[in-house]
Structure formats: C-alpha cells, structure tokens
N, C-alpha and C. Protein backbone atom coordinates (compact mmCIF):
# COMPACT_ATOMS: atom_id res chain seq x y z
N MET A 1 -24.56 85.31 12.31
CA MET A 1 -23.44 84.68 12.97
C MET A 1 -23.95 84.06 14.26
N VAL A 2 -23.63 82.80 14.47
CA VAL A 2 -24.01 82.07 15.66
C VAL A 2 -22.79 81.98 16.56
N GLY A 3 -22.84 82.64 17.72
CA GLY A 3 -21.66 82.66 18.57
C GLY A 3 -20.52 83.34 17.85
N ASN A 4 -19.39 82.71 17.79
CA ASN A 4 -18.23 83.22 17.05
C ASN A 4 -18.01 82.47 15.73
N VAL A 5 -19.01 81.72 15.31
CA VAL A 5 -18.88 80.90 14.10
C VAL A 5 -19.80 81.45 13.01
N TRP A 6 -19.22 81.76 11.88
CA TRP A 6 -20.00 82.19 10.72
C TRP A 6 -20.59 80.98 10.04
N PRO A 7 -21.80 81.09 9.51
CA PRO A 7 -22.36 79.96 8.76
C PRO A 7 -21.55 79.71 7.50
N ARG A 8 -21.44 78.47 7.11
CA ARG A 8 -20.68 78.11 5.93
C ARG A 8 -21.46 78.47 4.68
N THR A 9 -20.77 79.03 3.73
CA THR A 9 -21.39 79.43 2.47
C THR A 9 -21.27 78.30 1.46
N THR A 10 -22.35 78.02 0.77
CA THR A 10 -22.34 77.03 -0.28
C THR A 10 -22.30 77.75 -1.62
N VAL A 11 -21.32 77.42 -2.42
CA VAL A 11 -21.20 78.01 -3.76
C VAL A 11 -21.65 76.95 -4.75
N GLN A 12 -22.57 77.35 -5.62
CA GLN A 12 -23.08 76.41 -6.61
C GLN A 12 -22.99 77.02 -7.98
N THR A 13 -22.44 76.26 -8.91
CA THR A 13 -22.38 76.72 -10.29
C THR A 13 -23.76 76.57 -10.93
N CYS A 14 -24.02 77.38 -11.89
CA CYS A 14 -25.30 77.30 -12.60
C CYS A 14 -25.27 76.09 -13.53
N ILE A 15 -26.18 75.17 -13.31
CA ILE A 15 -26.21 73.94 -14.10
C ILE A 15 -26.49 74.25 -15.57
N ILE A 16 -27.28 75.27 -15.82
CA ILE A 16 -27.59 75.62 -17.20
C ILE A 16 -26.34 76.08 -17.93
N HIS A 17 -25.54 76.92 -17.29
CA HIS A 17 -24.31 77.38 -17.93
C HIS A 17 -23.32 76.24 -18.10
N LEU A 18 -23.26 75.34 -17.16
CA LEU A 18 -22.36 74.19 -17.27
C LEU A 18 -22.75 73.33 -18.47
N ILE A 19 -24.01 73.10 -18.64
CA ILE A 19 -24.47 72.27 -19.77
C ILE A 19 -24.28 73.02 -21.09
N ARG A 20 -24.60 74.30 -21.12
CA ARG A 20 -24.40 75.06 -22.36
C ARG A 20 -22.93 75.09 -22.76
N ASN A 21 -22.05 75.25 -21.79
CA ASN A 21 -20.62 75.25 -22.09
C ASN A 21 -20.15 73.88 -22.57
N THR A 22 -20.81 72.83 -22.10
CA THR A 22 -20.49 71.48 -22.58
C THR A 22 -20.72 71.40 -24.08
N PHE A 23 -21.85 71.92 -24.54
CA PHE A 23 -22.16 71.85 -25.96
C PHE A 23 -21.30 72.80 -26.80
N ARG A 24 -20.85 73.87 -26.19
CA ARG A 24 -19.95 74.77 -26.92
C ARG A 24 -18.61 74.12 -27.24
N LEU A 25 -18.24 73.14 -26.45
CA LEU A 25 -16.96 72.47 -26.64
C LEU A 25 -17.05 71.29 -27.61
N ALA A 26 -18.25 71.01 -28.11
CA ALA A 26 -18.45 69.85 -28.97
C ALA A 26 -18.95 70.27 -30.35
N SER A 27 -18.71 69.41 -31.30
CA SER A 27 -19.21 69.62 -32.65
C SER A 27 -20.73 69.44 -32.64
N LYS A 28 -21.42 70.25 -33.41
CA LYS A 28 -22.88 70.20 -33.46
C LYS A 28 -23.40 68.83 -33.88
N LYS A 29 -22.65 68.13 -34.70
CA LYS A 29 -23.11 66.80 -35.15
C LYS A 29 -23.16 65.79 -34.01
N ASP A 30 -22.44 66.05 -32.92
CA ASP A 30 -22.42 65.13 -31.77
C ASP A 30 -23.37 65.54 -30.65
N TRP A 31 -24.09 66.64 -30.81
CA TRP A 31 -24.92 67.16 -29.73
C TRP A 31 -25.99 66.19 -29.25
N ASP A 32 -26.67 65.51 -30.16
CA ASP A 32 -27.74 64.59 -29.74
C ASP A 32 -27.20 63.44 -28.90
N ALA A 33 -26.13 62.84 -29.35
CA ALA A 33 -25.53 61.73 -28.60
C ALA A 33 -24.94 62.23 -27.28
N LEU A 34 -24.33 63.39 -27.32
CA LEU A 34 -23.74 63.96 -26.11
C LEU A 34 -24.82 64.31 -25.08
N LYS A 35 -25.95 64.80 -25.57
CA LYS A 35 -27.06 65.14 -24.67
C LYS A 35 -27.51 63.91 -23.88
N ARG A 36 -27.59 62.77 -24.55
CA ARG A 36 -27.98 61.53 -23.87
C ARG A 36 -26.95 61.09 -22.84
N ASP A 37 -25.68 61.40 -23.08
CA ASP A 37 -24.63 60.97 -22.17
C ASP A 37 -24.38 61.95 -21.02
N VAL A 38 -24.75 63.21 -21.19
CA VAL A 38 -24.57 64.21 -20.13
C VAL A 38 -25.75 64.17 -19.15
N LYS A 39 -26.93 63.87 -19.64
CA LYS A 39 -28.12 63.89 -18.80
C LYS A 39 -28.01 63.03 -17.54
N PRO A 40 -27.44 61.83 -17.59
CA PRO A 40 -27.32 61.04 -16.36
C PRO A 40 -26.46 61.71 -15.28
N ILE A 41 -25.63 62.65 -15.65
CA ILE A 41 -24.82 63.33 -14.64
C ILE A 41 -25.70 64.26 -13.80
N TYR A 42 -26.46 65.14 -14.46
CA TYR A 42 -27.23 66.12 -13.70
C TYR A 42 -28.57 65.59 -13.22
N THR A 43 -28.96 64.39 -13.62
CA THR A 43 -30.18 63.78 -13.10
C THR A 43 -29.88 62.67 -12.10
N ALA A 44 -28.62 62.48 -11.77
CA ALA A 44 -28.23 61.43 -10.83
C ALA A 44 -28.84 61.68 -9.45
N PRO A 45 -29.15 60.61 -8.72
CA PRO A 45 -29.76 60.78 -7.40
C PRO A 45 -28.79 61.31 -6.34
N ASN A 46 -27.49 61.13 -6.57
CA ASN A 46 -26.50 61.61 -5.60
C ASN A 46 -25.17 61.83 -6.31
N HIS A 47 -24.21 62.37 -5.57
CA HIS A 47 -22.92 62.70 -6.19
C HIS A 47 -22.12 61.47 -6.59
N ILE A 48 -22.35 60.34 -5.95
CA ILE A 48 -21.63 59.10 -6.32
C ILE A 48 -22.10 58.61 -7.69
N ALA A 49 -23.41 58.60 -7.88
CA ALA A 49 -23.96 58.19 -9.18
C ALA A 49 -23.58 59.20 -10.26
N ALA A 50 -23.55 60.48 -9.91
CA ALA A 50 -23.17 61.51 -10.87
C ALA A 50 -21.71 61.34 -11.29
N ARG A 51 -20.85 61.01 -10.33
CA ARG A 51 -19.43 60.79 -10.64
C ARG A 51 -19.27 59.58 -11.56
N ALA A 52 -20.05 58.52 -11.31
CA ALA A 52 -19.99 57.34 -12.19
C ALA A 52 -20.44 57.71 -13.60
N ALA A 53 -21.48 58.53 -13.71
CA ALA A 53 -21.96 58.97 -15.03
C ALA A 53 -20.91 59.84 -15.72
N LEU A 54 -20.21 60.67 -14.95
CA LEU A 54 -19.14 61.49 -15.53
C LEU A 54 -18.00 60.62 -16.02
N GLU A 55 -17.68 59.57 -15.29
CA GLU A 55 -16.63 58.65 -15.74
C GLU A 55 -17.05 57.93 -17.01
N ASP A 56 -18.34 57.57 -17.12
CA ASP A 56 -18.85 56.97 -18.36
C ASP A 56 -18.72 57.96 -19.52
N LEU A 57 -19.05 59.21 -19.25
CA LEU A 57 -18.93 60.26 -20.28
C LEU A 57 -17.47 60.38 -20.72
N ASP A 58 -16.56 60.39 -19.77
CA ASP A 58 -15.14 60.51 -20.09
C ASP A 58 -14.65 59.31 -20.88
N GLU A 59 -15.14 58.14 -20.53
CA GLU A 59 -14.75 56.92 -21.24
C GLU A 59 -15.19 56.97 -22.71
N LYS A 60 -16.41 57.48 -22.93
CA LYS A 60 -16.95 57.52 -24.29
C LYS A 60 -16.42 58.71 -25.10
N TRP A 61 -16.35 59.90 -24.48
CA TRP A 61 -16.04 61.12 -25.21
C TRP A 61 -14.68 61.72 -24.86
N GLY A 62 -13.99 61.17 -23.88
CA GLY A 62 -12.77 61.78 -23.37
C GLY A 62 -11.68 62.01 -24.40
N LYS A 63 -11.50 61.08 -25.31
CA LYS A 63 -10.45 61.26 -26.32
C LYS A 63 -10.81 62.36 -27.32
N LYS A 64 -12.06 62.40 -27.70
CA LYS A 64 -12.49 63.38 -28.69
C LYS A 64 -12.70 64.76 -28.07
N TYR A 65 -13.27 64.80 -26.87
CA TYR A 65 -13.59 66.06 -26.22
C TYR A 65 -13.05 66.07 -24.78
N ALA A 66 -11.77 66.07 -24.65
CA ALA A 66 -11.15 66.08 -23.32
C ALA A 66 -11.51 67.35 -22.55
N ALA A 67 -11.76 68.43 -23.25
CA ALA A 67 -12.11 69.69 -22.60
C ALA A 67 -13.44 69.59 -21.86
N ILE A 68 -14.35 68.75 -22.33
CA ILE A 68 -15.64 68.60 -21.66
C ILE A 68 -15.46 67.97 -20.29
N THR A 69 -14.68 66.91 -20.21
CA THR A 69 -14.47 66.29 -18.90
C THR A 69 -13.65 67.20 -17.98
N ARG A 70 -12.73 67.98 -18.54
CA ARG A 70 -12.01 68.96 -17.72
C ARG A 70 -12.97 70.01 -17.18
N LEU A 71 -13.91 70.44 -18.02
CA LEU A 71 -14.91 71.42 -17.60
C LEU A 71 -15.70 70.90 -16.41
N TRP A 72 -16.22 69.69 -16.52
CA TRP A 72 -17.03 69.11 -15.44
C TRP A 72 -16.19 68.85 -14.19
N ASN A 73 -14.98 68.37 -14.38
CA ASN A 73 -14.13 68.11 -13.22
C ASN A 73 -13.75 69.40 -12.49
N SER A 74 -13.48 70.46 -13.23
CA SER A 74 -13.11 71.71 -12.59
C SER A 74 -14.31 72.36 -11.89
N ALA A 75 -15.52 72.09 -12.35
CA ALA A 75 -16.72 72.66 -11.73
C ALA A 75 -17.38 71.70 -10.74
N TRP A 76 -16.77 70.55 -10.52
CA TRP A 76 -17.42 69.48 -9.76
C TRP A 76 -17.85 69.91 -8.35
N GLU A 77 -16.96 70.52 -7.59
CA GLU A 77 -17.29 70.91 -6.22
C GLU A 77 -18.43 71.94 -6.18
N GLU A 78 -18.54 72.76 -7.21
CA GLU A 78 -19.62 73.73 -7.26
C GLU A 78 -20.88 73.14 -7.91
N PHE A 79 -20.75 72.00 -8.57
CA PHE A 79 -21.89 71.35 -9.20
C PHE A 79 -22.67 70.48 -8.21
N ILE A 80 -21.97 69.75 -7.36
CA ILE A 80 -22.66 68.76 -6.52
C ILE A 80 -23.69 69.33 -5.55
N PRO A 81 -23.63 70.61 -5.12
CA PRO A 81 -24.75 71.12 -4.31
C PRO A 81 -26.09 71.09 -5.07
N PHE A 82 -26.05 71.15 -6.40
CA PHE A 82 -27.26 71.04 -7.21
C PHE A 82 -27.97 69.72 -6.94
N LEU A 83 -27.20 68.66 -6.69
CA LEU A 83 -27.78 67.35 -6.46
C LEU A 83 -28.49 67.25 -5.11
N ASP A 84 -28.28 68.22 -4.23
CA ASP A 84 -28.96 68.22 -2.94
C ASP A 84 -30.40 68.71 -3.04
N TYR A 85 -30.74 69.35 -4.15
CA TYR A 85 -32.13 69.78 -4.34
C TYR A 85 -33.03 68.57 -4.50
N ASP A 86 -34.28 68.76 -4.14
CA ASP A 86 -35.28 67.73 -4.33
C ASP A 86 -35.37 67.40 -5.82
N VAL A 87 -35.64 66.16 -6.12
CA VAL A 87 -35.70 65.71 -7.52
C VAL A 87 -36.71 66.51 -8.33
N GLU A 88 -37.83 66.85 -7.72
CA GLU A 88 -38.86 67.61 -8.43
C GLU A 88 -38.36 69.01 -8.80
N ILE A 89 -37.62 69.64 -7.90
CA ILE A 89 -37.07 70.97 -8.20
C ILE A 89 -36.06 70.87 -9.33
N ARG A 90 -35.20 69.86 -9.27
CA ARG A 90 -34.21 69.69 -10.35
C ARG A 90 -34.88 69.43 -11.68
N LYS A 91 -35.98 68.70 -11.66
CA LYS A 91 -36.71 68.44 -12.92
C LYS A 91 -37.24 69.73 -13.52
N VAL A 92 -37.77 70.60 -12.68
CA VAL A 92 -38.31 71.86 -13.17
C VAL A 92 -37.19 72.71 -13.77
N ILE A 93 -36.08 72.82 -13.06
CA ILE A 93 -34.95 73.61 -13.55
C ILE A 93 -34.45 73.06 -14.88
N CYS A 94 -34.25 71.76 -14.93
CA CYS A 94 -33.64 71.16 -16.12
C CYS A 94 -34.61 70.95 -17.27
N SER A 95 -35.87 70.70 -16.99
CA SER A 95 -36.81 70.46 -18.09
C SER A 95 -37.05 71.71 -18.90
N THR A 96 -36.96 72.85 -18.27
CA THR A 96 -37.24 74.08 -19.00
C THR A 96 -36.00 74.65 -19.66
N LYS A 97 -34.82 74.28 -19.21
CA LYS A 97 -33.60 74.90 -19.71
C LYS A 97 -32.63 73.91 -20.35
N CYS A 98 -32.32 72.83 -19.66
CA CYS A 98 -31.23 71.96 -20.09
C CYS A 98 -31.50 71.25 -21.41
N ASP A 99 -32.74 70.82 -21.61
CA ASP A 99 -33.03 70.09 -22.84
C ASP A 99 -32.92 70.97 -24.06
N ARG A 100 -33.03 72.28 -23.87
CA ARG A 100 -32.91 73.20 -25.00
C ARG A 100 -31.54 73.83 -25.10
N ALA A 101 -30.64 73.49 -24.16
CA ALA A 101 -29.32 74.13 -24.16
C ALA A 101 -28.57 73.86 -25.45
N SER A 102 -28.72 72.68 -26.01
CA SER A 102 -27.99 72.36 -27.23
C SER A 102 -28.62 73.01 -28.45
N GLN A 103 -29.84 73.52 -28.33
CA GLN A 103 -30.52 74.12 -29.47
C GLN A 103 -30.28 75.62 -29.56
N ARG A 104 -29.74 76.21 -28.51
CA ARG A 104 -29.52 77.65 -28.51
C ARG A 104 -28.32 78.01 -29.37
N PRO A 105 -28.45 79.08 -30.12
CA PRO A 105 -27.30 79.50 -30.92
C PRO A 105 -26.22 80.09 -30.02
N LEU A 106 -25.00 80.04 -30.50
CA LEU A 106 -23.90 80.65 -29.77
C LEU A 106 -24.08 82.16 -29.79
N PRO A 107 -23.60 82.85 -28.77
CA PRO A 107 -23.73 84.31 -28.77
C PRO A 107 -22.97 84.94 -29.93
N ALA A 108 -23.36 86.13 -30.28
CA ALA A 108 -22.78 86.82 -31.43
C ALA A 108 -21.28 86.98 -31.32
N CYS A 109 -20.76 87.10 -30.10
CA CYS A 109 -19.32 87.30 -29.94
C CYS A 109 -18.53 86.07 -30.38
N CYS A 110 -19.17 84.93 -30.48
CA CYS A 110 -18.46 83.70 -30.85
C CYS A 110 -18.61 83.34 -32.32
N GLU A 111 -19.39 84.11 -33.06
CA GLU A 111 -19.66 83.75 -34.44
C GLU A 111 -18.56 84.16 -35.40
N GLY A 112 -17.67 85.01 -34.98
CA GLY A 112 -16.59 85.39 -35.87
C GLY A 112 -16.33 86.87 -35.83
N PRO A 113 -15.47 87.35 -36.70
CA PRO A 113 -15.13 88.77 -36.67
C PRO A 113 -16.29 89.62 -37.17
N TRP A 114 -16.36 90.81 -36.64
CA TRP A 114 -17.38 91.75 -37.08
C TRP A 114 -16.74 93.12 -37.19
N THR A 115 -17.39 93.98 -37.93
CA THR A 115 -16.82 95.30 -38.15
C THR A 115 -17.29 96.26 -37.07
N LEU A 116 -16.48 97.23 -36.78
CA LEU A 116 -16.86 98.27 -35.84
C LEU A 116 -17.76 99.26 -36.55
N PRO A 117 -18.62 99.94 -35.79
CA PRO A 117 -19.51 100.90 -36.45
C PRO A 117 -18.70 102.03 -37.09
N ASP A 118 -19.24 102.53 -38.17
CA ASP A 118 -18.58 103.62 -38.88
C ASP A 118 -18.80 104.91 -38.11
N ARG A 119 -17.72 105.48 -37.61
CA ARG A 119 -17.84 106.71 -36.84
C ARG A 119 -17.31 107.91 -37.61
N ALA A 120 -16.91 107.71 -38.85
CA ALA A 120 -16.34 108.81 -39.63
C ALA A 120 -17.35 109.91 -39.88
N GLY A 121 -18.61 109.55 -39.97
CA GLY A 121 -19.64 110.54 -40.25
C GLY A 121 -20.15 111.25 -39.01
N CYS A 122 -19.69 110.85 -37.83
CA CYS A 122 -20.16 111.47 -36.59
C CYS A 122 -19.51 112.83 -36.37
N VAL A 123 -20.29 113.74 -35.87
CA VAL A 123 -19.79 115.07 -35.55
C VAL A 123 -19.29 115.06 -34.12
N GLU A 124 -18.04 115.52 -33.93
CA GLU A 124 -17.50 115.58 -32.59
C GLU A 124 -17.81 116.94 -31.99
N VAL A 125 -18.33 116.92 -30.79
CA VAL A 125 -18.68 118.16 -30.11
C VAL A 125 -17.70 118.34 -28.97
N PRO A 126 -17.05 119.50 -28.90
CA PRO A 126 -16.12 119.73 -27.80
C PRO A 126 -16.86 119.86 -26.47
N VAL A 127 -16.24 119.37 -25.42
CA VAL A 127 -16.81 119.45 -24.10
C VAL A 127 -16.23 120.69 -23.43
N SER A 128 -17.12 121.53 -22.90
CA SER A 128 -16.63 122.75 -22.27
C SER A 128 -15.97 122.42 -20.94
N CYS A 129 -14.98 123.19 -20.58
CA CYS A 129 -14.26 123.02 -19.31
C CYS A 129 -14.90 123.93 -18.27
N HIS A 130 -15.12 123.39 -17.11
CA HIS A 130 -15.66 124.20 -16.01
C HIS A 130 -14.50 124.67 -15.17
N SER A 131 -14.26 125.99 -15.12
CA SER A 131 -13.13 126.51 -14.35
C SER A 131 -13.60 127.17 -13.09
C-alpha cells in the first residue's frame, strides 16, 4: 500500500480457457475455419484491433454461433490485459496451447451420461463412537 491508496488489481482471464470454450460452443466441422477467424483476436497488437477482429468474427459467425460472441464480449474486460504482454510472450503462450485447443477432446463430464460405481458389493463397516 502506497500512502492510503491500494494498488489497483488487474484481473485477466486465461486466454487458453477462453479459446477452448470457444470451440466447445461450435460444431467440430467448423473448428478449422473458426480457428482462422479467432486467431486475429488474440494476436492483435492492441485492444482496438482485437475489437475489430471480434466484430469480424461476429459478422461471419454471429448468426450460427451467437454464444461465441457473447462469450468473448462477457470476458472482454478480463481478456484485454493479455494484449498488454509483449508480442513474444504472447506467441509463446499461444503457440504451445492455443493452436491445439481445438484438437483437445472434451472432458469426460461432457461426453454424456455415465453409470455410478457399483457399491452393492462393498462391505459397510460401522464407525465406533467416542464417548
């Protein structure tokens, strides 16, 4: 704390999770085209260029995937601090993770219903009470 003023906290969303969630909202057949249209957003030199790229994305995909543009718009204030990083740092973060985000399988919880483990054969042991 400097004097009576607390330093301002910057909240930043994880760019990898934002991109992965983008692909979760789209059909797998559109992932390659969508990847080309999302990349200009997170590789933009500043927030103005990123906003223009997001508007282009909305123009192209907005009718089919309105949830994607809602996702980016709702995370926008937490996304733009990412653009303050040096371009080289952003390249390292995104080259290792973002390009493969569309290739990752969805987590098991999203694949559908599953059965609970069979507990009928388990032996229940009473817990003693401490008096």
